[in-house]
């Protein structure tokens, strides 16, 4: 397939990269990974897209592993007093380059306290990889486009793998989580092969100066990442909100933009559907719903993808779909998606 943009090529490489992680870390439905056994809490430190990956990880760790988890901005940790820490906490640092200054600075501060550290990077020669107690290389290959695509999905999946490993260590039954894991590549390829109405949705969203992205539960991190991808590639002011919180005042924004984007899948709970129905009926607004079900939800544009065999496959498919959507919007707006204005791949290696 001939690719005009590096970002498009990197988006399309993801099913193969994710399959490689399955083959590397999962043998006979067991995770083969060296991590500490006596974990009581997890504290995640990251920035940008990696922070959004950490928000997915909080959902994984708490729902799969039963581990209390916090997600922290690296810049805030780097500038805070860290004299007191819990020795039973595992500190997880996520950085694609392994060199971002705010992540490295916070890592050095926590490392000096004697805390257990685990790093997830795409660079085995980085500070975070070489100095963490438990380094993990996602091995996604160098990412040339500025917007994180393959490194983001690989980080999210690696965090899911870690959550499953912790659950196994705790003798939690994770058979439902992992039973279809060897179908992951085929599931994702099937889901993103034919996506109904994605061009129609991209055309509508490209005509806007701003819109809201909302999600509930594990789809709030997706809303955050979708918003960030559209901001950095398309220069559209998108704002993410938890779906429940959106109805507490924020949905007044629909008086202005009149458009929102959200996600509903086959495992949606009744309260999620009720919240969506409330928003749709309260405001006569345009709505784009990405779903794996043929339901109209009274929405304007239903972006339909094929149903997966597992929750993690659904999450990863949605991540790739929002990347494709951001790419299509940017193309319509004639943006240089590989090198957006004012952005660099690595923040800096300088210690501040």
C-alpha atoms as a PDB file:
ATOM      1  CA  UNK A   1       0.000   0.000   0.000  1.00  0.00           C
ATOM      2  CA  UNK A   2       1.414   3.413  -0.972  1.00  0.00           C
ATOM      3  CA  UNK A   3       1.364   5.865   1.922  1.00  0.00           C
ATOM      4  CA  UNK A   4       1.613   9.618   1.443  1.00  0.00           C
ATOM      5  CA  UNK A   5       2.084  10.333   5.150  1.00  0.00           C
ATOM      6  CA  UNK A   6       4.288   8.683   7.760  1.00  0.00           C
ATOM      7  CA  UNK A   7       1.453   8.962  10.285  1.00  0.00           C
ATOM      8  CA  UNK A   8      -0.793   6.859   8.039  1.00  0.00           C
ATOM      9  CA  UNK A   9       1.879   4.186   7.711  1.00  0.00           C
ATOM     10  CA  UNK A  10       2.414   4.109  11.482  1.00  0.00           C
ATOM     11  CA  UNK A  11      -1.333   3.846  12.126  1.00  0.00           C
ATOM     12  CA  UNK A  12      -1.546   0.859   9.794  1.00  0.00           C
ATOM     13  CA  UNK A  13       1.432  -0.866  11.434  1.00  0.00           C
ATOM     14  CA  UNK A  14      -0.319  -1.231  14.796  1.00  0.00           C
ATOM     15  CA  UNK A  15      -2.042  -4.645  14.495  1.00  0.00           C
ATOM     16  CA  UNK A  16       1.328  -6.250  13.714  1.00  0.00           C
ATOM     17  CA  UNK A  17       3.087  -4.454  16.592  1.00  0.00           C
ATOM     18  CA  UNK A  18       0.382  -5.479  19.065  1.00  0.00           C
ATOM     19  CA  UNK A  19       0.559  -9.067  17.833  1.00  0.00           C
ATOM     20  CA  UNK A  20       4.308  -9.003  18.438  1.00  0.00           C
ATOM     21  CA  UNK A  21       3.700  -8.009  22.074  1.00  0.00           C
ATOM     22  CA  UNK A  22       1.304 -10.945  22.469  1.00  0.00           C
ATOM     23  CA  UNK A  23       3.924 -13.342  21.093  1.00  0.00           C
ATOM     24  CA  UNK A  24       6.661 -11.842  23.265  1.00  0.00           C
ATOM     25  CA  UNK A  25       4.925 -11.701  26.625  1.00  0.00           C
ATOM     26  CA  UNK A  26       2.072 -14.243  26.605  1.00  0.00           C
ATOM     27  CA  UNK A  27       2.803 -17.988  26.532  1.00  0.00           C
ATOM     28  CA  UNK A  28       0.028 -20.556  27.013  1.00  0.00           C
ATOM     29  CA  UNK A  29      -2.283 -17.799  28.258  1.00  0.00           C
ATOM     30  CA  UNK A  30       0.197 -16.802  30.989  1.00  0.00           C
ATOM     31  CA  UNK A  31       2.074 -13.491  31.091  1.00  0.00           C
ATOM     32  CA  UNK A  32       5.847 -13.913  31.150  1.00  0.00           C
ATOM     33  CA  UNK A  33       7.077 -10.697  32.697  1.00  0.00           C
ATOM     34  CA  UNK A  34       9.369  -9.711  35.559  1.00  0.00           C
ATOM     35  CA  UNK A  35       7.547  -7.366  37.914  1.00  0.00           C
ATOM     36  CA  UNK A  36       7.484  -7.022  41.722  1.00  0.00           C
ATOM     37  CA  UNK A  37       5.158  -9.378  43.576  1.00  0.00           C
ATOM     38  CA  UNK A  38       4.363  -7.349  46.718  1.00  0.00           C
ATOM     39  CA  UNK A  39       2.509  -4.444  45.074  1.00  0.00           C
ATOM     40  CA  UNK A  40      -0.073  -2.703  47.273  1.00  0.00           C
ATOM     41  CA  UNK A  41      -0.577   0.471  45.239  1.00  0.00           C
ATOM     42  CA  UNK A  42       0.503   1.855  41.875  1.00  0.00           C
ATOM     43  CA  UNK A  43       1.389   5.454  41.101  1.00  0.00           C
ATOM     44  CA  UNK A  44       1.707   6.327  37.402  1.00  0.00           C
ATOM     45  CA  UNK A  45       3.778   9.306  36.268  1.00  0.00           C
ATOM     46  CA  UNK A  46       3.592  10.546  32.673  1.00  0.00           C
ATOM     47  CA  UNK A  47       2.845  13.443  30.315  1.00  0.00           C
ATOM     48  CA  UNK A  48       0.854  14.027  27.127  1.00  0.00           C
ATOM     49  CA  UNK A  49      -0.372  10.895  25.362  1.00  0.00           C
ATOM     50  CA  UNK A  50       1.533   8.791  27.887  1.00  0.00           C
ATOM     51  CA  UNK A  51      -0.592  10.348  30.639  1.00  0.00           C
ATOM     52  CA  UNK A  52      -3.694   9.245  28.730  1.00  0.00           C
ATOM     53  CA  UNK A  53      -2.219   5.745  28.503  1.00  0.00           C
ATOM     54  CA  UNK A  54      -1.833   5.941  32.281  1.00  0.00           C
ATOM     55  CA  UNK A  55      -5.541   6.756  32.605  1.00  0.00           C
ATOM     56  CA  UNK A  56      -6.324   3.549  30.705  1.00  0.00           C
ATOM     57  CA  UNK A  57      -3.910   1.748  33.036  1.00  0.00           C
ATOM     58  CA  UNK A  58      -5.777   2.982  36.127  1.00  0.00           C
ATOM     59  CA  UNK A  59      -8.892   1.291  34.727  1.00  0.00           C
ATOM     60  CA  UNK A  60      -6.918  -1.922  34.006  1.00  0.00           C
ATOM     61  CA  UNK A  61      -5.108  -2.076  37.356  1.00  0.00           C
ATOM     62  CA  UNK A  62      -8.189  -1.384  39.443  1.00  0.00           C
ATOM     63  CA  UNK A  63     -10.656  -3.550  37.491  1.00  0.00           C
ATOM     64  CA  UNK A  64      -8.419  -6.468  36.508  1.00  0.00           C
ATOM     65  CA  UNK A  65      -5.818  -6.527  39.295  1.00  0.00           C
ATOM     66  CA  UNK A  66      -7.708  -4.937  42.188  1.00  0.00           C
ATOM     67  CA  UNK A  67      -4.824  -2.493  42.797  1.00  0.00           C
ATOM     68  CA  UNK A  68      -5.483   1.078  43.915  1.00  0.00           C
ATOM     69  CA  UNK A  69      -3.916   3.340  41.266  1.00  0.00           C
ATOM     70  CA  UNK A  70      -3.255   7.049  40.836  1.00  0.00           C
ATOM     71  CA  UNK A  71      -2.195   8.883  37.672  1.00  0.00           C
ATOM     72  CA  UNK A  72       0.029  11.941  38.021  1.00  0.00           C
ATOM     73  CA  UNK A  73       1.365  14.564  35.627  1.00  0.00           C
ATOM     74  CA  UNK A  74       5.148  14.321  35.552  1.00  0.00           C
ATOM     75  CA  UNK A  75       5.541  18.102  35.683  1.00  0.00           C
ATOM     76  CA  UNK A  76       3.546  18.205  38.918  1.00  0.00           C
ATOM     77  CA  UNK A  77       5.538  15.374  40.517  1.00  0.00           C
ATOM     78  CA  UNK A  78       8.832  16.967  39.456  1.00  0.00           C
ATOM     79  CA  UNK A  79       7.851  20.177  41.249  1.00  0.00           C
ATOM     80  CA  UNK A  80       6.406  18.653  44.414  1.00  0.00           C
ATOM     81  CA  UNK A  81       7.831  17.738  47.796  1.00  0.00           C
ATOM     82  CA  UNK A  82       8.371  14.006  47.711  1.00  0.00           C
ATOM     83  CA  UNK A  83       9.919  13.414  51.115  1.00  0.00           C
ATOM     84  CA  UNK A  84       7.177  10.952  52.128  1.00  0.00           C
ATOM     85  CA  UNK A  85       6.385   7.912  50.040  1.00  0.00           C
ATOM     86  CA  UNK A  86       4.847   4.485  50.497  1.00  0.00           C
ATOM     87  CA  UNK A  87       7.391   1.673  50.135  1.00  0.00           C
ATOM     88  CA  UNK A  88       4.637  -0.722  49.045  1.00  0.00           C
ATOM     89  CA  UNK A  89       3.812   1.483  46.034  1.00  0.00           C
ATOM     90  CA  UNK A  90       5.156   0.689  42.572  1.00  0.00           C
ATOM     91  CA  UNK A  91       5.926   3.865  40.612  1.00  0.00           C
ATOM     92  CA  UNK A  92       5.305   3.427  36.882  1.00  0.00           C
ATOM     93  CA  UNK A  93       6.877   5.908  34.454  1.00  0.00           C
ATOM     94  CA  UNK A  94       5.622   6.085  30.871  1.00  0.00           C
ATOM     95  CA  UNK A  95       7.580   7.931  28.183  1.00  0.00           C
ATOM     96  CA  UNK A  96       7.853   6.975  24.521  1.00  0.00           C
ATOM     97  CA  UNK A  97      11.340   8.454  24.215  1.00  0.00           C
ATOM     98  CA  UNK A  98      12.368   7.678  27.795  1.00  0.00           C
ATOM     99  CA  UNK A  99      14.018  11.111  27.790  1.00  0.00           C
ATOM    100  CA  UNK A 100      11.266  13.697  28.367  1.00  0.00           C
ATOM    101  CA  UNK A 101      12.635  16.103  30.943  1.00  0.00           C
ATOM    102  CA  UNK A 102       9.607  16.273  33.263  1.00  0.00           C
ATOM    103  CA  UNK A 103       9.304  12.475  33.384  1.00  0.00           C
ATOM    104  CA  UNK A 104      13.058  11.997  33.918  1.00  0.00           C
ATOM    105  CA  UNK A 105      13.149  14.669  36.626  1.00  0.00           C
ATOM    106  CA  UNK A 106      10.272  13.085  38.521  1.00  0.00           C
ATOM    107  CA  UNK A 107      11.870   9.644  38.048  1.00  0.00           C
ATOM    108  CA  UNK A 108      15.166  10.866  39.558  1.00  0.00           C
ATOM    109  CA  UNK A 109      13.359  12.414  42.522  1.00  0.00           C
ATOM    110  CA  UNK A 110      11.408   9.231  43.297  1.00  0.00           C
ATOM    111  CA  UNK A 111      14.365   6.941  42.581  1.00  0.00           C
ATOM    112  CA  UNK A 112      16.486   8.820  45.118  1.00  0.00           C
ATOM    113  CA  UNK A 113      13.865   8.064  47.784  1.00  0.00           C
ATOM    114  CA  UNK A 114      14.430   4.341  47.259  1.00  0.00           C
ATOM    115  CA  UNK A 115      11.020   3.603  45.725  1.00  0.00           C
ATOM    116  CA  UNK A 116      10.394   0.692  43.344  1.00  0.00           C
ATOM    117  CA  UNK A 117      10.298   1.920  39.749  1.00  0.00           C
ATOM    118  CA  UNK A 118       8.996   0.424  36.518  1.00  0.00           C
ATOM    119  CA  UNK A 119       9.415   2.161  33.172  1.00  0.00           C
ATOM    120  CA  UNK A 120       7.596   1.722  29.865  1.00  0.00           C
ATOM    121  CA  UNK A 121       9.467   3.231  26.924  1.00  0.00           C
ATOM    122  CA  UNK A 122      10.098   2.775  23.223  1.00  0.00           C
ATOM    123  CA  UNK A 123      13.826   3.359  23.651  1.00  0.00           C
ATOM    124  CA  UNK A 124      16.064   0.759  25.271  1.00  0.00           C
ATOM    125  CA  UNK A 125      18.959   3.254  25.307  1.00  0.00           C
ATOM    126  CA  UNK A 126      17.080   5.852  27.352  1.00  0.00           C
ATOM    127  CA  UNK A 127      17.612   6.948  30.946  1.00  0.00           C
ATOM    128  CA  UNK A 128      14.278   5.552  32.073  1.00  0.00           C
ATOM    129  CA  UNK A 129      14.944   2.140  30.556  1.00  0.00           C
ATOM    130  CA  UNK A 130      18.507   1.829  31.851  1.00  0.00           C
ATOM    131  CA  UNK A 131      17.915   3.069  35.390  1.00  0.00           C
ATOM    132  CA  UNK A 132      14.453   1.738  36.301  1.00  0.00           C
ATOM    133  CA  UNK A 133      14.242  -1.337  38.543  1.00  0.00           C
ATOM    134  CA  UNK A 134      11.862  -2.984  36.088  1.00  0.00           C
ATOM    135  CA  UNK A 135      12.346  -1.617  32.544  1.00  0.00           C
ATOM    136  CA  UNK A 136       9.992  -2.592  29.709  1.00  0.00           C
ATOM    137  CA  UNK A 137      10.624  -1.788  26.036  1.00  0.00           C
ATOM    138  CA  UNK A 138       7.425  -1.780  23.948  1.00  0.00           C
ATOM    139  CA  UNK A 139       9.530  -2.330  20.786  1.00  0.00           C
ATOM    140  CA  UNK A 140       7.186  -0.439  18.493  1.00  0.00           C
ATOM    141  CA  UNK A 141      10.002   0.727  16.223  1.00  0.00           C
ATOM    142  CA  UNK A 142      10.995   4.339  15.823  1.00  0.00           C
ATOM    143  CA  UNK A 143       8.004   6.644  15.459  1.00  0.00           C
ATOM    144  CA  UNK A 144       8.669   9.403  12.932  1.00  0.00           C
ATOM    145  CA  UNK A 145       5.337  11.242  12.902  1.00  0.00           C
ATOM    146  CA  UNK A 146       4.971  13.782  15.700  1.00  0.00           C
ATOM    147  CA  UNK A 147       1.582  12.520  16.929  1.00  0.00           C
ATOM    148  CA  UNK A 148       1.920   9.319  18.961  1.00  0.00           C
ATOM    149  CA  UNK A 149       0.015   6.457  17.338  1.00  0.00           C
ATOM    150  CA  UNK A 150       1.774   3.090  17.454  1.00  0.00           C
ATOM    151  CA  UNK A 151       3.697   3.972  20.613  1.00  0.00           C
ATOM    152  CA  UNK A 152       0.448   4.946  22.306  1.00  0.00           C
ATOM    153  CA  UNK A 153      -1.447   1.741  21.483  1.00  0.00           C
ATOM    154  CA  UNK A 154       1.615  -0.368  22.356  1.00  0.00           C
ATOM    155  CA  UNK A 155       1.937   1.417  25.723  1.00  0.00           C
ATOM    156  CA  UNK A 156      -1.755   0.899  26.494  1.00  0.00           C
ATOM    157  CA  UNK A 157      -1.534  -2.789  25.606  1.00  0.00           C
ATOM    158  CA  UNK A 158       1.661  -3.238  27.631  1.00  0.00           C
ATOM    159  CA  UNK A 159      -0.089  -1.732  30.644  1.00  0.00           C
ATOM    160  CA  UNK A 160      -2.949  -4.188  30.157  1.00  0.00           C
ATOM    161  CA  UNK A 161      -0.412  -7.037  30.052  1.00  0.00           C
ATOM    162  CA  UNK A 162       1.097  -5.805  33.335  1.00  0.00           C
ATOM    163  CA  UNK A 163      -2.381  -5.646  34.913  1.00  0.00           C
ATOM    164  CA  UNK A 164      -3.044  -9.246  33.863  1.00  0.00           C
ATOM    165  CA  UNK A 165       0.337 -10.318  35.267  1.00  0.00           C
ATOM    166  CA  UNK A 166      -0.411  -8.705  38.636  1.00  0.00           C
ATOM    167  CA  UNK A 167      -3.793 -10.442  38.665  1.00  0.00           C
ATOM    168  CA  UNK A 168      -2.110 -13.771  37.944  1.00  0.00           C
ATOM    169  CA  UNK A 169       0.340 -13.167  40.782  1.00  0.00           C
ATOM    170  CA  UNK A 170      -2.641 -12.566  43.078  1.00  0.00           C
ATOM    171  CA  UNK A 171      -4.382 -15.725  41.811  1.00  0.00           C
ATOM    172  CA  UNK A 172      -7.276 -13.736  40.379  1.00  0.00           C
ATOM    173  CA  UNK A 173      -9.234 -15.520  37.667  1.00  0.00           C
ATOM    174  CA  UNK A 174      -8.468 -13.628  34.457  1.00  0.00           C
ATOM    175  CA  UNK A 175      -9.677 -16.292  32.031  1.00  0.00           C
ATOM    176  CA  UNK A 176     -12.335 -13.994  30.571  1.00  0.00           C
ATOM    177  CA  UNK A 177      -9.781 -11.228  30.034  1.00  0.00           C
ATOM    178  CA  UNK A 178      -7.240 -13.374  28.240  1.00  0.00           C
ATOM    179  CA  UNK A 179      -9.152 -16.203  26.537  1.00  0.00           C
ATOM    180  CA  UNK A 180      -9.285 -14.496  23.106  1.00  0.00           C
ATOM    181  CA  UNK A 181      -5.884 -12.821  23.284  1.00  0.00           C
ATOM    182  CA  UNK A 182      -4.415 -14.789  20.376  1.00  0.00           C
ATOM    183  CA  UNK A 183      -7.191 -13.384  18.160  1.00  0.00           C
ATOM    184  CA  UNK A 184      -6.167  -9.791  18.935  1.00  0.00           C
ATOM    185  CA  UNK A 185      -4.479  -9.000  15.602  1.00  0.00           C
ATOM    186  CA  UNK A 186      -7.308 -10.455  13.511  1.00  0.00           C
ATOM    187  CA  UNK A 187      -9.929  -8.765  15.676  1.00  0.00           C
ATOM    188  CA  UNK A 188      -8.354  -5.337  15.250  1.00  0.00           C
ATOM    189  CA  UNK A 189      -7.751  -5.752  11.515  1.00  0.00           C
ATOM    190  CA  UNK A 190     -11.382  -6.819  11.080  1.00  0.00           C
ATOM    191  CA  UNK A 191     -12.620  -3.844  13.115  1.00  0.00           C
ATOM    192  CA  UNK A 192     -10.701  -1.172  11.225  1.00  0.00           C
ATOM    193  CA  UNK A 193     -11.058  -2.677   7.748  1.00  0.00           C
ATOM    194  CA  UNK A 194     -14.465  -1.193   6.959  1.00  0.00           C
ATOM    195  CA  UNK A 195     -15.554   1.661   9.212  1.00  0.00           C
ATOM    196  CA  UNK A 196     -18.970   2.979   8.225  1.00  0.00           C
ATOM    197  CA  UNK A 197     -19.438   6.742   7.924  1.00  0.00           C
ATOM    198  CA  UNK A 198     -15.960   7.731   9.122  1.00  0.00           C
ATOM    199  CA  UNK A 199     -15.508  10.000   6.102  1.00  0.00           C
ATOM    200  CA  UNK A 200     -18.913  11.615   6.731  1.00  0.00           C
ATOM    201  CA  UNK A 201     -18.019  12.191  10.380  1.00  0.00           C
ATOM    202  CA  UNK A 202     -14.589  13.581   9.477  1.00  0.00           C
ATOM    203  CA  UNK A 203     -16.172  16.012   7.025  1.00  0.00           C
ATOM    204  CA  UNK A 204     -18.552  17.339   9.690  1.00  0.00           C
ATOM    205  CA  UNK A 205     -15.884  17.640  12.385  1.00  0.00           C
ATOM    206  CA  UNK A 206     -13.406  19.317  10.030  1.00  0.00           C
ATOM    207  CA  UNK A 207     -15.899  22.153   9.526  1.00  0.00           C
ATOM    208  CA  UNK A 208     -15.887  23.072  13.219  1.00  0.00           C
ATOM    209  CA  UNK A 209     -13.678  25.373  15.267  1.00  0.00           C
ATOM    210  CA  UNK A 210     -14.464  23.444  18.456  1.00  0.00           C
ATOM    211  CA  UNK A 211     -16.424  20.464  19.769  1.00  0.00           C
ATOM    212  CA  UNK A 212     -16.633  18.225  22.832  1.00  0.00           C
ATOM    213  CA  UNK A 213     -15.524  14.600  23.216  1.00  0.00           C
ATOM    214  CA  UNK A 214     -17.147  12.594  25.996  1.00  0.00           C
ATOM    215  CA  UNK A 215     -16.729   9.090  27.387  1.00  0.00           C
ATOM    216  CA  UNK A 216     -17.597   7.004  30.422  1.00  0.00           C
ATOM    217  CA  UNK A 217     -15.370   4.577  32.349  1.00  0.00           C
ATOM    218  CA  UNK A 218     -12.561   3.233  30.170  1.00  0.00           C
ATOM    219  CA  UNK A 219     -13.750   5.492  27.350  1.00  0.00           C
ATOM    220  CA  UNK A 220     -12.960   8.715  29.206  1.00  0.00           C
ATOM    221  CA  UNK A 221      -9.208   8.129  28.612  1.00  0.00           C
ATOM    222  CA  UNK A 222     -10.175   7.482  24.987  1.00  0.00           C
ATOM    223  CA  UNK A 223     -11.989  10.828  24.900  1.00  0.00           C
ATOM    224  CA  UNK A 224      -8.843  12.495  26.268  1.00  0.00           C
ATOM    225  CA  UNK A 225      -6.631  10.874  23.653  1.00  0.00           C
ATOM    226  CA  UNK A 226      -9.058  11.565  20.778  1.00  0.00           C
ATOM    227  CA  UNK A 227      -9.191  15.210  21.845  1.00  0.00           C
ATOM    228  CA  UNK A 228      -5.400  15.460  22.016  1.00  0.00           C
ATOM    229  CA  UNK A 229      -4.884  13.787  18.621  1.00  0.00           C
ATOM    230  CA  UNK A 230      -7.355  16.139  16.950  1.00  0.00           C
ATOM    231  CA  UNK A 231      -5.840  19.177  18.656  1.00  0.00           C
ATOM    232  CA  UNK A 232      -2.261  18.419  17.683  1.00  0.00           C
ATOM    233  CA  UNK A 233      -2.915  17.288  14.095  1.00  0.00           C
ATOM    234  CA  UNK A 234      -5.917  19.435  13.107  1.00  0.00           C
ATOM    235  CA  UNK A 235      -5.597  22.515  15.391  1.00  0.00           C
ATOM    236  CA  UNK A 236      -9.270  22.225  16.396  1.00  0.00           C
ATOM    237  CA  UNK A 237     -10.152  23.145  19.976  1.00  0.00           C
ATOM    238  CA  UNK A 238     -11.556  19.871  21.297  1.00  0.00           C
ATOM    239  CA  UNK A 239     -12.344  19.372  24.991  1.00  0.00           C
ATOM    240  CA  UNK A 240     -12.720  15.937  26.664  1.00  0.00           C
ATOM    241  CA  UNK A 241     -15.144  15.248  29.519  1.00  0.00           C
ATOM    242  CA  UNK A 242     -16.337  12.235  31.518  1.00  0.00           C
ATOM    243  CA  UNK A 243     -19.854  11.574  30.246  1.00  0.00           C
ATOM    244  CA  UNK A 244     -21.456  11.808  33.686  1.00  0.00           C
ATOM    245  CA  UNK A 245     -19.645  15.033  34.557  1.00  0.00           C
ATOM    246  CA  UNK A 246     -20.596  16.563  31.221  1.00  0.00           C
ATOM    247  CA  UNK A 247     -24.246  16.901  32.260  1.00  0.00           C
ATOM    248  CA  UNK A 248     -23.239  18.920  35.355  1.00  0.00           C
ATOM    249  CA  UNK A 249     -22.960  22.253  33.585  1.00  0.00           C
ATOM    250  CA  UNK A 250     -20.474  21.436  30.841  1.00  0.00           C
ATOM    251  CA  UNK A 251     -23.116  20.467  28.331  1.00  0.00           C
ATOM    252  CA  UNK A 252     -24.058  24.161  28.181  1.00  0.00           C
ATOM    253  CA  UNK A 253     -21.157  24.265  25.715  1.00  0.00           C
ATOM    254  CA  UNK A 254     -23.527  22.652  23.232  1.00  0.00           C
ATOM    255  CA  UNK A 255     -25.323  25.990  23.077  1.00  0.00           C
ATOM    256  CA  UNK A 256     -22.284  27.161  21.129  1.00  0.00           C
ATOM    257  CA  UNK A 257     -20.662  24.265  19.262  1.00  0.00           C
ATOM    258  CA  UNK A 258     -23.787  22.139  18.784  1.00  0.00           C
ATOM    259  CA  UNK A 259     -21.648  19.026  18.153  1.00  0.00           C
ATOM    260  CA  UNK A 260     -20.134  16.303  20.299  1.00  0.00           C
ATOM    261  CA  UNK A 261     -18.287  13.026  19.712  1.00  0.00           C
ATOM    262  CA  UNK A 262     -18.684   9.949  21.919  1.00  0.00           C
ATOM    263  CA  UNK A 263     -18.267   6.152  22.069  1.00  0.00           C
ATOM    264  CA  UNK A 264     -20.826   3.426  22.842  1.00  0.00           C
ATOM    265  CA  UNK A 265     -20.028  -0.289  22.569  1.00  0.00           C
ATOM    266  CA  UNK A 266     -21.930  -3.544  22.969  1.00  0.00           C
ATOM    267  CA  UNK A 267     -21.022  -3.793  26.667  1.00  0.00           C
ATOM    268  CA  UNK A 268     -22.445  -0.361  27.534  1.00  0.00           C
ATOM    269  CA  UNK A 269     -24.298  -0.216  30.844  1.00  0.00           C
ATOM    270  CA  UNK A 270     -27.806   1.166  31.255  1.00  0.00           C
ATOM    271  CA  UNK A 271     -26.624   4.342  32.970  1.00  0.00           C
ATOM    272  CA  UNK A 272     -24.261   5.068  30.073  1.00  0.00           C
ATOM    273  CA  UNK A 273     -27.084   4.753  27.546  1.00  0.00           C
ATOM    274  CA  UNK A 274     -29.345   6.843  29.795  1.00  0.00           C
ATOM    275  CA  UNK A 275     -26.741   9.622  30.008  1.00  0.00           C
ATOM    276  CA  UNK A 276     -26.320   9.659  26.231  1.00  0.00           C
ATOM    277  CA  UNK A 277     -30.088   9.740  25.763  1.00  0.00           C
ATOM    278  CA  UNK A 278     -30.348  12.664  28.215  1.00  0.00           C
ATOM    279  CA  UNK A 279     -27.750  14.696  26.341  1.00  0.00           C
ATOM    280  CA  UNK A 280     -29.305  13.953  22.952  1.00  0.00           C
ATOM    281  CA  UNK A 281     -32.807  14.861  24.092  1.00  0.00           C
ATOM    282  CA  UNK A 282     -31.888  17.909  26.173  1.00  0.00           C
ATOM    283  CA  UNK A 283     -30.119  19.575  23.269  1.00  0.00           C
ATOM    284  CA  UNK A 284     -31.119  19.327  19.644  1.00  0.00           C
ATOM    285  CA  UNK A 285     -27.487  18.991  18.735  1.00  0.00           C
ATOM    286  CA  UNK A 286     -25.445  17.157  16.149  1.00  0.00           C
ATOM    287  CA  UNK A 287     -23.778  14.038  17.498  1.00  0.00           C
ATOM    288  CA  UNK A 288     -21.162  11.593  16.236  1.00  0.00           C
ATOM    289  CA  UNK A 289     -21.278   8.197  17.948  1.00  0.00           C
ATOM    290  CA  UNK A 290     -18.566   5.584  17.340  1.00  0.00           C
ATOM    291  CA  UNK A 291     -20.070   2.171  18.047  1.00  0.00           C
ATOM    292  CA  UNK A 292     -19.802  -1.538  17.311  1.00  0.00           C
ATOM    293  CA  UNK A 293     -23.608  -1.870  17.267  1.00  0.00           C
ATOM    294  CA  UNK A 294     -26.135  -0.865  14.634  1.00  0.00           C
ATOM    295  CA  UNK A 295     -28.125   1.437  16.871  1.00  0.00           C
ATOM    296  CA  UNK A 296     -29.137   4.907  15.862  1.00  0.00           C
ATOM    297  CA  UNK A 297     -29.176   6.340  19.437  1.00  0.00           C
ATOM    298  CA  UNK A 298     -31.005   9.243  17.725  1.00  0.00           C
ATOM    299  CA  UNK A 299     -27.546  10.457  16.724  1.00  0.00           C
ATOM    300  CA  UNK A 300     -26.709  12.262  13.475  1.00  0.00           C
ATOM    301  CA  UNK A 301     -23.736  10.153  12.398  1.00  0.00           C
ATOM    302  CA  UNK A 302     -23.088   6.589  13.534  1.00  0.00           C
ATOM    303  CA  UNK A 303     -19.492   5.546  12.890  1.00  0.00           C
ATOM    304  CA  UNK A 304     -19.815   1.765  12.918  1.00  0.00           C
ATOM    305  CA  UNK A 305     -16.977  -0.729  13.349  1.00  0.00           C
ATOM    306  CA  UNK A 306     -17.029  -4.506  13.609  1.00  0.00           C
ATOM    307  CA  UNK A 307     -17.497  -6.077  17.044  1.00  0.00           C
ATOM    308  CA  UNK A 308     -14.469  -7.659  18.743  1.00  0.00           C
ATOM    309  CA  UNK A 309     -14.057 -10.802  20.850  1.00  0.00           C
ATOM    310  CA  UNK A 310     -12.534  -9.066  23.891  1.00  0.00           C
ATOM    311  CA  UNK A 311     -12.635  -5.791  25.807  1.00  0.00           C
ATOM    312  CA  UNK A 312      -8.963  -5.033  25.182  1.00  0.00           C
ATOM    313  CA  UNK A 313      -9.403  -5.598  21.434  1.00  0.00           C
ATOM    314  CA  UNK A 314     -12.343  -3.175  21.475  1.00  0.00           C
ATOM    315  CA  UNK A 315     -10.316  -0.535  23.323  1.00  0.00           C
ATOM    316  CA  UNK A 316      -7.344  -0.877  20.958  1.00  0.00           C
ATOM    317  CA  UNK A 317      -9.613  -0.797  17.898  1.00  0.00           C
ATOM    318  CA  UNK A 318     -11.243   2.405  19.144  1.00  0.00           C
ATOM    319  CA  UNK A 319      -7.818   3.956  19.752  1.00  0.00           C
ATOM    320  CA  UNK A 320      -6.857   3.254  16.144  1.00  0.00           C
ATOM    321  CA  UNK A 321     -10.223   4.477  14.833  1.00  0.00           C
ATOM    322  CA  UNK A 322      -9.848   7.880  16.548  1.00  0.00           C
ATOM    323  CA  UNK A 323      -6.332   8.119  15.096  1.00  0.00           C
ATOM    324  CA  UNK A 324      -7.724   7.436  11.620  1.00  0.00           C
ATOM    325  CA  UNK A 325     -10.430  10.035  12.205  1.00  0.00           C
ATOM    326  CA  UNK A 326      -7.891  12.651  13.331  1.00  0.00           C
ATOM    327  CA  UNK A 327      -5.792  11.856  10.264  1.00  0.00           C
ATOM    328  CA  UNK A 328      -8.773  12.226   7.912  1.00  0.00           C
ATOM    329  CA  UNK A 329      -9.849  15.521   9.491  1.00  0.00           C
ATOM    330  CA  UNK A 330      -6.301  16.859   9.200  1.00  0.00           C
ATOM    331  CA  UNK A 331      -6.095  15.850   5.533  1.00  0.00           C
ATOM    332  CA  UNK A 332      -9.336  17.704   4.799  1.00  0.00           C
ATOM    333  CA  UNK A 333      -7.863  20.775   6.469  1.00  0.00           C
ATOM    334  CA  UNK A 334      -4.595  20.301   4.551  1.00  0.00           C
ATOM    335  CA  UNK A 335      -2.521  20.065   7.740  1.00  0.00           C
ATOM    336  CA  UNK A 336       0.943  18.538   7.789  1.00  0.00           C
ATOM    337  CA  UNK A 337       0.084  15.650  10.102  1.00  0.00           C
ATOM    338  CA  UNK A 338       3.674  14.411  10.271  1.00  0.00           C
ATOM    339  CA  UNK A 339       5.043  17.727  11.522  1.00  0.00           C
ATOM    340  CA  UNK A 340       2.354  19.843  13.205  1.00  0.00           C
ATOM    341  CA  UNK A 341       3.258  23.472  13.864  1.00  0.00           C
ATOM    342  CA  UNK A 342       5.102  24.095  17.123  1.00  0.00           C
ATOM    343  CA  UNK A 343       5.498  20.454  18.190  1.00  0.00           C
ATOM    344  CA  UNK A 344       8.604  18.322  18.625  1.00  0.00           C
ATOM    345  CA  UNK A 345       8.802  14.558  19.155  1.00  0.00           C
ATOM    346  CA  UNK A 346      10.948  14.725  22.283  1.00  0.00           C
ATOM    347  CA  UNK A 347      10.417  17.544  24.771  1.00  0.00           C
ATOM    348  CA  UNK A 348      14.091  17.776  25.775  1.00  0.00           C
ATOM    349  CA  UNK A 349      16.808  15.728  27.399  1.00  0.00           C
ATOM    350  CA  UNK A 350      18.004  18.667  29.470  1.00  0.00           C
ATOM    351  CA  UNK A 351      17.604  18.282  33.224  1.00  0.00           C
ATOM    352  CA  UNK A 352      15.866  21.251  34.840  1.00  0.00           C
END
